């Protein structure tokens, strides 16, 4: 069985899906018992022994998840194998109940994407927009204008010559981020309304009872999320700007802006 699982995961890995395809394990079964079983062990062993990092394993962690199983997967991480995401089922249930306004039992909890919860058999979750967080830093330096194209993408914030404190720059950053979110929501609203027309999924929809009863595409229903990209990068950017511009004074915002405009030439 393990050999067949390894073969299955290797073949999937060859498809090189950009966001990976998660496999969720553990959590609780319909009787409230831990869902960790010998098959669960075989799945993680197969991924580990096949030396794969592109198959993402979502591990649903609950009060009764065996410590031995958690220790085993953590040892795999220490040895540089496997892509594991540990997901808190209590938080997942609370999030799904708030999103869908229905009671959710632990065994009904599912997952998809990078680390997203869903409800098994319920409307599907779609990512309709992606926002670059570091872009908001760049726009704050250029008063909302993209330096490459000259197109105004963001908010009208003060010029860097007028920013005397890090609080001034941080406020400009958040203003640019708010504007990026506002414009992304406009795009998302359009795609939410047109999703079933732009991306019809008749075969997929036939697997959902609610879709069959309504005779409508499954993407007519569901919730939308927006991905915020580059969180680590934007944290580094803001930290270094605060440190070198406003604390150590080794660089000015004007010099930083001009260096970016000139692609770091002569710096």
C-alpha atoms as a PDB file:
ATOM      1  CA  UNK A   1       0.000   0.000   0.000  1.00  0.00           C
ATOM      2  CA  UNK A   2       2.805   2.398   0.850  1.00  0.00           C
ATOM      3  CA  UNK A   3       4.499   1.675  -2.469  1.00  0.00           C
ATOM      4  CA  UNK A   4       1.296   2.524  -4.338  1.00  0.00           C
ATOM      5  CA  UNK A   5       0.930   5.747  -2.359  1.00  0.00           C
ATOM      6  CA  UNK A   6       4.524   6.729  -3.168  1.00  0.00           C
ATOM      7  CA  UNK A   7       3.872   6.089  -6.846  1.00  0.00           C
ATOM      8  CA  UNK A   8       0.677   8.155  -6.731  1.00  0.00           C
ATOM      9  CA  UNK A   9       2.369  11.119  -5.013  1.00  0.00           C
ATOM     10  CA  UNK A  10       5.412  11.012  -7.327  1.00  0.00           C
ATOM     11  CA  UNK A  11       3.170  11.090 -10.397  1.00  0.00           C
ATOM     12  CA  UNK A  12       1.258  14.021  -8.961  1.00  0.00           C
ATOM     13  CA  UNK A  13       4.506  15.810  -8.146  1.00  0.00           C
ATOM     14  CA  UNK A  14       5.511  15.547 -11.816  1.00  0.00           C
ATOM     15  CA  UNK A  15       2.538  17.760 -12.709  1.00  0.00           C
ATOM     16  CA  UNK A  16       4.263  20.587 -10.818  1.00  0.00           C
ATOM     17  CA  UNK A  17       1.164  22.388  -9.579  1.00  0.00           C
ATOM     18  CA  UNK A  18       2.066  25.956  -8.674  1.00  0.00           C
ATOM     19  CA  UNK A  19       0.204  26.045  -5.376  1.00  0.00           C
ATOM     20  CA  UNK A  20       0.561  22.356  -4.571  1.00  0.00           C
ATOM     21  CA  UNK A  21      -2.360  20.037  -3.909  1.00  0.00           C
ATOM     22  CA  UNK A  22      -3.054  19.479  -0.225  1.00  0.00           C
ATOM     23  CA  UNK A  23      -3.872  16.155   1.367  1.00  0.00           C
ATOM     24  CA  UNK A  24      -5.596  16.572   4.731  1.00  0.00           C
ATOM     25  CA  UNK A  25      -5.119  13.996   7.496  1.00  0.00           C
ATOM     26  CA  UNK A  26      -5.842  13.576  11.212  1.00  0.00           C
ATOM     27  CA  UNK A  27      -8.585  15.607  12.946  1.00  0.00           C
ATOM     28  CA  UNK A  28     -11.666  13.742  14.205  1.00  0.00           C
ATOM     29  CA  UNK A  29     -13.954  11.136  12.680  1.00  0.00           C
ATOM     30  CA  UNK A  30     -17.769  11.086  12.796  1.00  0.00           C
ATOM     31  CA  UNK A  31     -17.693   9.526  16.282  1.00  0.00           C
ATOM     32  CA  UNK A  32     -15.416  12.207  17.714  1.00  0.00           C
ATOM     33  CA  UNK A  33     -12.388   9.904  17.827  1.00  0.00           C
ATOM     34  CA  UNK A  34      -9.006  10.801  16.393  1.00  0.00           C
ATOM     35  CA  UNK A  35      -8.875  10.216  12.658  1.00  0.00           C
ATOM     36  CA  UNK A  36      -5.190   9.269  12.843  1.00  0.00           C
ATOM     37  CA  UNK A  37      -4.996   5.679  11.619  1.00  0.00           C
ATOM     38  CA  UNK A  38      -2.501   3.257  10.052  1.00  0.00           C
ATOM     39  CA  UNK A  39      -3.454   4.747   6.659  1.00  0.00           C
ATOM     40  CA  UNK A  40      -2.506   8.198   7.967  1.00  0.00           C
ATOM     41  CA  UNK A  41       0.901   6.847   8.953  1.00  0.00           C
ATOM     42  CA  UNK A  42       1.334   5.277   5.499  1.00  0.00           C
ATOM     43  CA  UNK A  43       0.517   8.575   3.761  1.00  0.00           C
ATOM     44  CA  UNK A  44       3.140  10.619   5.633  1.00  0.00           C
ATOM     45  CA  UNK A  45       5.684   7.782   5.386  1.00  0.00           C
ATOM     46  CA  UNK A  46       5.143   7.579   1.612  1.00  0.00           C
ATOM     47  CA  UNK A  47       5.737  11.312   1.145  1.00  0.00           C
ATOM     48  CA  UNK A  48       8.789  11.178   3.410  1.00  0.00           C
ATOM     49  CA  UNK A  49      10.385   8.150   1.776  1.00  0.00           C
ATOM     50  CA  UNK A  50       9.699   9.475  -1.729  1.00  0.00           C
ATOM     51  CA  UNK A  51      11.700  12.578  -0.727  1.00  0.00           C
ATOM     52  CA  UNK A  52       8.904  14.906  -1.849  1.00  0.00           C
ATOM     53  CA  UNK A  53       8.387  18.475  -0.704  1.00  0.00           C
ATOM     54  CA  UNK A  54       5.794  19.524  -3.276  1.00  0.00           C
ATOM     55  CA  UNK A  55       2.886  17.502  -1.866  1.00  0.00           C
ATOM     56  CA  UNK A  56       1.447  19.562   0.950  1.00  0.00           C
ATOM     57  CA  UNK A  57       0.063  17.650   3.948  1.00  0.00           C
ATOM     58  CA  UNK A  58      -2.553  19.464   6.045  1.00  0.00           C
ATOM     59  CA  UNK A  59      -2.529  18.006   9.550  1.00  0.00           C
ATOM     60  CA  UNK A  60      -5.716  18.760  11.474  1.00  0.00           C
ATOM     61  CA  UNK A  61      -4.680  19.125  15.100  1.00  0.00           C
ATOM     62  CA  UNK A  62      -7.308  18.506  17.775  1.00  0.00           C
ATOM     63  CA  UNK A  63      -7.316  17.751  21.499  1.00  0.00           C
ATOM     64  CA  UNK A  64      -7.055  14.019  20.859  1.00  0.00           C
ATOM     65  CA  UNK A  65      -4.449  14.063  18.085  1.00  0.00           C
ATOM     66  CA  UNK A  66      -1.777  11.587  19.279  1.00  0.00           C
ATOM     67  CA  UNK A  67       1.432  13.237  20.456  1.00  0.00           C
ATOM     68  CA  UNK A  68       3.393  10.408  18.834  1.00  0.00           C
ATOM     69  CA  UNK A  69       2.003  11.289  15.409  1.00  0.00           C
ATOM     70  CA  UNK A  70       2.764  14.990  15.834  1.00  0.00           C
ATOM     71  CA  UNK A  71       6.292  14.178  17.017  1.00  0.00           C
ATOM     72  CA  UNK A  72       6.792  11.926  14.003  1.00  0.00           C
ATOM     73  CA  UNK A  73       5.834  14.620  11.495  1.00  0.00           C
ATOM     74  CA  UNK A  74       7.943  17.212  13.306  1.00  0.00           C
ATOM     75  CA  UNK A  75      10.939  14.872  13.076  1.00  0.00           C
ATOM     76  CA  UNK A  76      10.315  14.679   9.327  1.00  0.00           C
ATOM     77  CA  UNK A  77      10.432  18.473   9.152  1.00  0.00           C
ATOM     78  CA  UNK A  78      13.687  18.523  11.127  1.00  0.00           C
ATOM     79  CA  UNK A  79      15.159  16.126   8.582  1.00  0.00           C
ATOM     80  CA  UNK A  80      14.210  18.461   5.748  1.00  0.00           C
ATOM     81  CA  UNK A  81      11.463  16.313   4.288  1.00  0.00           C
ATOM     82  CA  UNK A  82       7.821  17.002   3.647  1.00  0.00           C
ATOM     83  CA  UNK A  83       5.689  20.116   3.469  1.00  0.00           C
ATOM     84  CA  UNK A  84       3.412  20.021   6.512  1.00  0.00           C
ATOM     85  CA  UNK A  85       0.852  22.577   7.659  1.00  0.00           C
ATOM     86  CA  UNK A  86      -0.539  22.140  11.175  1.00  0.00           C
ATOM     87  CA  UNK A  87      -4.125  23.424  11.284  1.00  0.00           C
ATOM     88  CA  UNK A  88      -6.128  24.079  14.448  1.00  0.00           C
ATOM     89  CA  UNK A  89      -9.524  22.426  13.991  1.00  0.00           C
ATOM     90  CA  UNK A  90     -11.231  24.523  16.685  1.00  0.00           C
ATOM     91  CA  UNK A  91     -10.280  27.721  14.889  1.00  0.00           C
ATOM     92  CA  UNK A  92     -11.236  26.159  11.570  1.00  0.00           C
ATOM     93  CA  UNK A  93     -14.708  25.219  12.787  1.00  0.00           C
ATOM     94  CA  UNK A  94     -15.267  28.698  14.219  1.00  0.00           C
ATOM     95  CA  UNK A  95     -14.137  30.325  10.945  1.00  0.00           C
ATOM     96  CA  UNK A  96     -16.352  28.124   8.759  1.00  0.00           C
ATOM     97  CA  UNK A  97     -19.389  28.604  10.991  1.00  0.00           C
ATOM     98  CA  UNK A  98     -18.906  32.361  10.728  1.00  0.00           C
ATOM     99  CA  UNK A  99     -18.359  32.226   6.953  1.00  0.00           C
ATOM    100  CA  UNK A 100     -21.310  29.975   6.086  1.00  0.00           C
ATOM    101  CA  UNK A 101     -23.615  30.660   9.055  1.00  0.00           C
ATOM    102  CA  UNK A 102     -24.195  26.933   9.652  1.00  0.00           C
ATOM    103  CA  UNK A 103     -23.116  24.571  12.454  1.00  0.00           C
ATOM    104  CA  UNK A 104     -20.041  22.525  11.560  1.00  0.00           C
ATOM    105  CA  UNK A 105     -19.051  19.181  13.060  1.00  0.00           C
ATOM    106  CA  UNK A 106     -15.328  18.308  13.336  1.00  0.00           C
ATOM    107  CA  UNK A 107     -15.586  15.475  10.784  1.00  0.00           C
ATOM    108  CA  UNK A 108     -17.172  17.877   8.248  1.00  0.00           C
ATOM    109  CA  UNK A 109     -14.104  20.122   8.214  1.00  0.00           C
ATOM    110  CA  UNK A 110     -12.034  20.030   5.041  1.00  0.00           C
ATOM    111  CA  UNK A 111      -9.176  21.990   3.550  1.00  0.00           C
ATOM    112  CA  UNK A 112      -7.841  23.331   0.280  1.00  0.00           C
ATOM    113  CA  UNK A 113      -5.146  25.571  -1.123  1.00  0.00           C
ATOM    114  CA  UNK A 114      -2.162  26.649   0.952  1.00  0.00           C
ATOM    115  CA  UNK A 115      -3.746  26.490   4.411  1.00  0.00           C
ATOM    116  CA  UNK A 116      -7.441  27.202   3.923  1.00  0.00           C
ATOM    117  CA  UNK A 117     -10.326  25.479   5.669  1.00  0.00           C
ATOM    118  CA  UNK A 118     -13.548  24.544   3.928  1.00  0.00           C
ATOM    119  CA  UNK A 119     -16.590  22.360   4.618  1.00  0.00           C
ATOM    120  CA  UNK A 120     -16.839  19.037   2.847  1.00  0.00           C
ATOM    121  CA  UNK A 121     -19.658  19.060   0.320  1.00  0.00           C
ATOM    122  CA  UNK A 122     -20.277  22.787   0.689  1.00  0.00           C
ATOM    123  CA  UNK A 123     -19.786  25.643  -1.819  1.00  0.00           C
ATOM    124  CA  UNK A 124     -16.228  26.106  -2.969  1.00  0.00           C
ATOM    125  CA  UNK A 125     -13.787  28.782  -1.937  1.00  0.00           C
ATOM    126  CA  UNK A 126     -12.124  30.844  -4.696  1.00  0.00           C
ATOM    127  CA  UNK A 127      -9.151  33.221  -4.693  1.00  0.00           C
ATOM    128  CA  UNK A 128     -10.209  36.128  -6.886  1.00  0.00           C
ATOM    129  CA  UNK A 129      -7.408  38.568  -6.134  1.00  0.00           C
ATOM    130  CA  UNK A 130      -3.763  38.788  -5.116  1.00  0.00           C
ATOM    131  CA  UNK A 131      -2.133  41.856  -3.604  1.00  0.00           C
ATOM    132  CA  UNK A 132       1.610  42.522  -3.480  1.00  0.00           C
ATOM    133  CA  UNK A 133       2.342  43.953  -0.036  1.00  0.00           C
ATOM    134  CA  UNK A 134       5.821  45.239  -1.032  1.00  0.00           C
ATOM    135  CA  UNK A 135       4.123  47.198  -3.836  1.00  0.00           C
ATOM    136  CA  UNK A 136       2.465  49.350  -1.177  1.00  0.00           C
ATOM    137  CA  UNK A 137       5.941  50.305   0.098  1.00  0.00           C
ATOM    138  CA  UNK A 138       7.004  51.329  -3.410  1.00  0.00           C
ATOM    139  CA  UNK A 139       3.817  53.317  -3.949  1.00  0.00           C
ATOM    140  CA  UNK A 140       4.350  55.103  -0.625  1.00  0.00           C
ATOM    141  CA  UNK A 141       7.745  56.246  -1.903  1.00  0.00           C
ATOM    142  CA  UNK A 142       6.297  57.483  -5.216  1.00  0.00           C
ATOM    143  CA  UNK A 143       3.027  59.124  -4.067  1.00  0.00           C
ATOM    144  CA  UNK A 144       0.931  56.276  -5.438  1.00  0.00           C
ATOM    145  CA  UNK A 145       2.488  56.266  -8.925  1.00  0.00           C
ATOM    146  CA  UNK A 146       4.135  53.186 -10.407  1.00  0.00           C
ATOM    147  CA  UNK A 147       7.715  54.245 -11.240  1.00  0.00           C
ATOM    148  CA  UNK A 148       8.034  51.921 -14.258  1.00  0.00           C
ATOM    149  CA  UNK A 149       4.842  52.875 -16.078  1.00  0.00           C
ATOM    150  CA  UNK A 150       4.002  56.277 -14.639  1.00  0.00           C
ATOM    151  CA  UNK A 151       0.458  55.056 -13.989  1.00  0.00           C
ATOM    152  CA  UNK A 152      -1.211  56.124 -10.749  1.00  0.00           C
ATOM    153  CA  UNK A 153      -2.141  52.882  -9.004  1.00  0.00           C
ATOM    154  CA  UNK A 154      -2.469  53.978  -5.403  1.00  0.00           C
ATOM    155  CA  UNK A 155      -3.540  56.776  -3.112  1.00  0.00           C
ATOM    156  CA  UNK A 156      -2.367  60.392  -3.217  1.00  0.00           C
ATOM    157  CA  UNK A 157       0.001  60.406  -0.240  1.00  0.00           C
ATOM    158  CA  UNK A 158       2.615  63.044   0.698  1.00  0.00           C
ATOM    159  CA  UNK A 159       5.969  63.200  -1.067  1.00  0.00           C
ATOM    160  CA  UNK A 160       8.881  61.638   0.807  1.00  0.00           C
ATOM    161  CA  UNK A 161      10.388  65.113   1.287  1.00  0.00           C
ATOM    162  CA  UNK A 162       7.458  65.860   3.610  1.00  0.00           C
ATOM    163  CA  UNK A 163       7.848  62.727   5.751  1.00  0.00           C
ATOM    164  CA  UNK A 164       9.833  63.513   8.888  1.00  0.00           C
ATOM    165  CA  UNK A 165       9.016  60.468  11.020  1.00  0.00           C
ATOM    166  CA  UNK A 166       8.556  56.763  10.467  1.00  0.00           C
ATOM    167  CA  UNK A 167       4.930  57.218  11.524  1.00  0.00           C
ATOM    168  CA  UNK A 168       4.488  59.464   8.472  1.00  0.00           C
ATOM    169  CA  UNK A 169       5.847  56.780   6.151  1.00  0.00           C
ATOM    170  CA  UNK A 170       3.885  54.016   7.856  1.00  0.00           C
ATOM    171  CA  UNK A 171       0.674  56.015   7.425  1.00  0.00           C
ATOM    172  CA  UNK A 172       1.436  56.424   3.721  1.00  0.00           C
ATOM    173  CA  UNK A 173       2.102  52.685   3.423  1.00  0.00           C
ATOM    174  CA  UNK A 174      -1.268  51.818   4.996  1.00  0.00           C
ATOM    175  CA  UNK A 175      -3.032  54.364   2.791  1.00  0.00           C
ATOM    176  CA  UNK A 176      -1.525  52.718  -0.293  1.00  0.00           C
ATOM    177  CA  UNK A 177      -2.434  49.263   0.978  1.00  0.00           C
ATOM    178  CA  UNK A 178      -6.029  50.374   1.634  1.00  0.00           C
ATOM    179  CA  UNK A 179      -6.246  51.650  -1.952  1.00  0.00           C
ATOM    180  CA  UNK A 180      -4.861  48.397  -3.367  1.00  0.00           C
ATOM    181  CA  UNK A 181      -7.430  46.453  -1.331  1.00  0.00           C
ATOM    182  CA  UNK A 182     -10.244  48.758  -2.470  1.00  0.00           C
ATOM    183  CA  UNK A 183      -9.384  48.297  -6.148  1.00  0.00           C
ATOM    184  CA  UNK A 184      -8.903  44.539  -5.718  1.00  0.00           C
ATOM    185  CA  UNK A 185     -12.350  44.244  -4.159  1.00  0.00           C
ATOM    186  CA  UNK A 186     -13.880  45.870  -7.234  1.00  0.00           C
ATOM    187  CA  UNK A 187     -12.248  43.211  -9.406  1.00  0.00           C
ATOM    188  CA  UNK A 188     -13.270  40.446  -6.994  1.00  0.00           C
ATOM    189  CA  UNK A 189     -16.899  41.591  -6.968  1.00  0.00           C
ATOM    190  CA  UNK A 190     -16.986  41.341 -10.756  1.00  0.00           C
ATOM    191  CA  UNK A 191     -15.506  37.853 -10.813  1.00  0.00           C
ATOM    192  CA  UNK A 192     -17.788  36.704  -7.991  1.00  0.00           C
ATOM    193  CA  UNK A 193     -20.809  37.619 -10.106  1.00  0.00           C
ATOM    194  CA  UNK A 194     -19.384  36.086 -13.303  1.00  0.00           C
ATOM    195  CA  UNK A 195     -17.456  33.085 -11.949  1.00  0.00           C
ATOM    196  CA  UNK A 196     -19.978  30.459 -13.066  1.00  0.00           C
ATOM    197  CA  UNK A 197     -20.034  31.983 -16.567  1.00  0.00           C
ATOM    198  CA  UNK A 198     -16.291  32.525 -16.957  1.00  0.00           C
ATOM    199  CA  UNK A 199     -15.257  29.215 -15.405  1.00  0.00           C
ATOM    200  CA  UNK A 200     -18.184  26.762 -15.582  1.00  0.00           C
ATOM    201  CA  UNK A 201     -17.558  23.465 -13.793  1.00  0.00           C
ATOM    202  CA  UNK A 202     -20.389  21.054 -14.730  1.00  0.00           C
ATOM    203  CA  UNK A 203     -18.515  17.870 -13.799  1.00  0.00           C
ATOM    204  CA  UNK A 204     -17.251  19.276 -10.502  1.00  0.00           C
ATOM    205  CA  UNK A 205     -20.687  20.716  -9.706  1.00  0.00           C
ATOM    206  CA  UNK A 206     -22.278  17.297 -10.177  1.00  0.00           C
ATOM    207  CA  UNK A 207     -20.447  16.096  -7.050  1.00  0.00           C
ATOM    208  CA  UNK A 208     -22.271  18.586  -4.798  1.00  0.00           C
ATOM    209  CA  UNK A 209     -25.802  17.921  -3.578  1.00  0.00           C
ATOM    210  CA  UNK A 210     -26.617  21.624  -3.140  1.00  0.00           C
ATOM    211  CA  UNK A 211     -25.562  22.316  -6.730  1.00  0.00           C
ATOM    212  CA  UNK A 212     -27.662  19.474  -8.127  1.00  0.00           C
ATOM    213  CA  UNK A 213     -30.728  20.592  -6.158  1.00  0.00           C
ATOM    214  CA  UNK A 214     -30.396  24.175  -7.370  1.00  0.00           C
ATOM    215  CA  UNK A 215     -29.336  23.155 -10.901  1.00  0.00           C
ATOM    216  CA  UNK A 216     -26.628  25.799 -10.726  1.00  0.00           C
ATOM    217  CA  UNK A 217     -22.851  25.775 -10.990  1.00  0.00           C
ATOM    218  CA  UNK A 218     -21.125  25.237  -7.641  1.00  0.00           C
ATOM    219  CA  UNK A 219     -19.153  28.490  -8.050  1.00  0.00           C
ATOM    220  CA  UNK A 220     -22.443  30.409  -7.995  1.00  0.00           C
ATOM    221  CA  UNK A 221     -22.155  29.923  -4.222  1.00  0.00           C
ATOM    222  CA  UNK A 222     -19.280  30.085  -1.794  1.00  0.00           C
ATOM    223  CA  UNK A 223     -16.842  32.557  -0.322  1.00  0.00           C
ATOM    224  CA  UNK A 224     -13.943  34.514  -1.801  1.00  0.00           C
ATOM    225  CA  UNK A 225     -10.545  35.292  -0.347  1.00  0.00           C
ATOM    226  CA  UNK A 226      -7.790  37.700  -1.330  1.00  0.00           C
ATOM    227  CA  UNK A 227      -4.169  36.590  -1.076  1.00  0.00           C
ATOM    228  CA  UNK A 228      -1.686  38.989   0.481  1.00  0.00           C
ATOM    229  CA  UNK A 229       1.691  38.212  -1.088  1.00  0.00           C
ATOM    230  CA  UNK A 230       5.143  39.049   0.298  1.00  0.00           C
ATOM    231  CA  UNK A 231       4.428  39.408   4.013  1.00  0.00           C
ATOM    232  CA  UNK A 232       8.028  38.602   5.000  1.00  0.00           C
ATOM    233  CA  UNK A 233       9.410  40.944   2.370  1.00  0.00           C
ATOM    234  CA  UNK A 234       7.266  43.880   3.428  1.00  0.00           C
ATOM    235  CA  UNK A 235       8.188  43.301   7.090  1.00  0.00           C
ATOM    236  CA  UNK A 236      11.864  43.454   6.112  1.00  0.00           C
ATOM    237  CA  UNK A 237      11.297  46.597   4.030  1.00  0.00           C
ATOM    238  CA  UNK A 238       9.506  48.509   6.774  1.00  0.00           C
ATOM    239  CA  UNK A 239      11.992  47.399   9.426  1.00  0.00           C
ATOM    240  CA  UNK A 240      15.009  48.481   7.363  1.00  0.00           C
ATOM    241  CA  UNK A 241      13.421  51.820   6.453  1.00  0.00           C
ATOM    242  CA  UNK A 242      12.703  52.545  10.111  1.00  0.00           C
ATOM    243  CA  UNK A 243      16.229  51.480  11.120  1.00  0.00           C
ATOM    244  CA  UNK A 244      18.383  53.103   8.429  1.00  0.00           C
ATOM    245  CA  UNK A 245      16.312  56.161   7.534  1.00  0.00           C
ATOM    246  CA  UNK A 246      14.810  57.250  10.839  1.00  0.00           C
ATOM    247  CA  UNK A 247      17.010  55.678  13.540  1.00  0.00           C
ATOM    248  CA  UNK A 248      20.565  55.411  12.165  1.00  0.00           C
ATOM    249  CA  UNK A 249      20.144  58.093   9.468  1.00  0.00           C
ATOM    250  CA  UNK A 250      22.425  56.166   7.083  1.00  0.00           C
ATOM    251  CA  UNK A 251      20.046  56.839   4.206  1.00  0.00           C
ATOM    252  CA  UNK A 252      17.232  59.264   3.425  1.00  0.00           C
ATOM    253  CA  UNK A 253      13.842  58.519   1.925  1.00  0.00           C
ATOM    254  CA  UNK A 254      14.739  60.763  -1.004  1.00  0.00           C
ATOM    255  CA  UNK A 255      17.903  58.783  -1.705  1.00  0.00           C
ATOM    256  CA  UNK A 256      16.030  55.488  -1.355  1.00  0.00           C
ATOM    257  CA  UNK A 257      13.316  56.661  -3.743  1.00  0.00           C
ATOM    258  CA  UNK A 258      15.865  57.858  -6.309  1.00  0.00           C
ATOM    259  CA  UNK A 259      17.849  54.617  -6.002  1.00  0.00           C
ATOM    260  CA  UNK A 260      14.735  52.620  -6.771  1.00  0.00           C
ATOM    261  CA  UNK A 261      13.864  54.895  -9.686  1.00  0.00           C
ATOM    262  CA  UNK A 262      17.374  54.372 -11.135  1.00  0.00           C
ATOM    263  CA  UNK A 263      17.390  50.621 -10.398  1.00  0.00           C
ATOM    264  CA  UNK A 264      20.243  51.062  -7.881  1.00  0.00           C
ATOM    265  CA  UNK A 265      22.700  52.427 -10.457  1.00  0.00           C
ATOM    266  CA  UNK A 266      25.593  54.438  -8.935  1.00  0.00           C
ATOM    267  CA  UNK A 267      24.574  53.331  -5.415  1.00  0.00           C
END
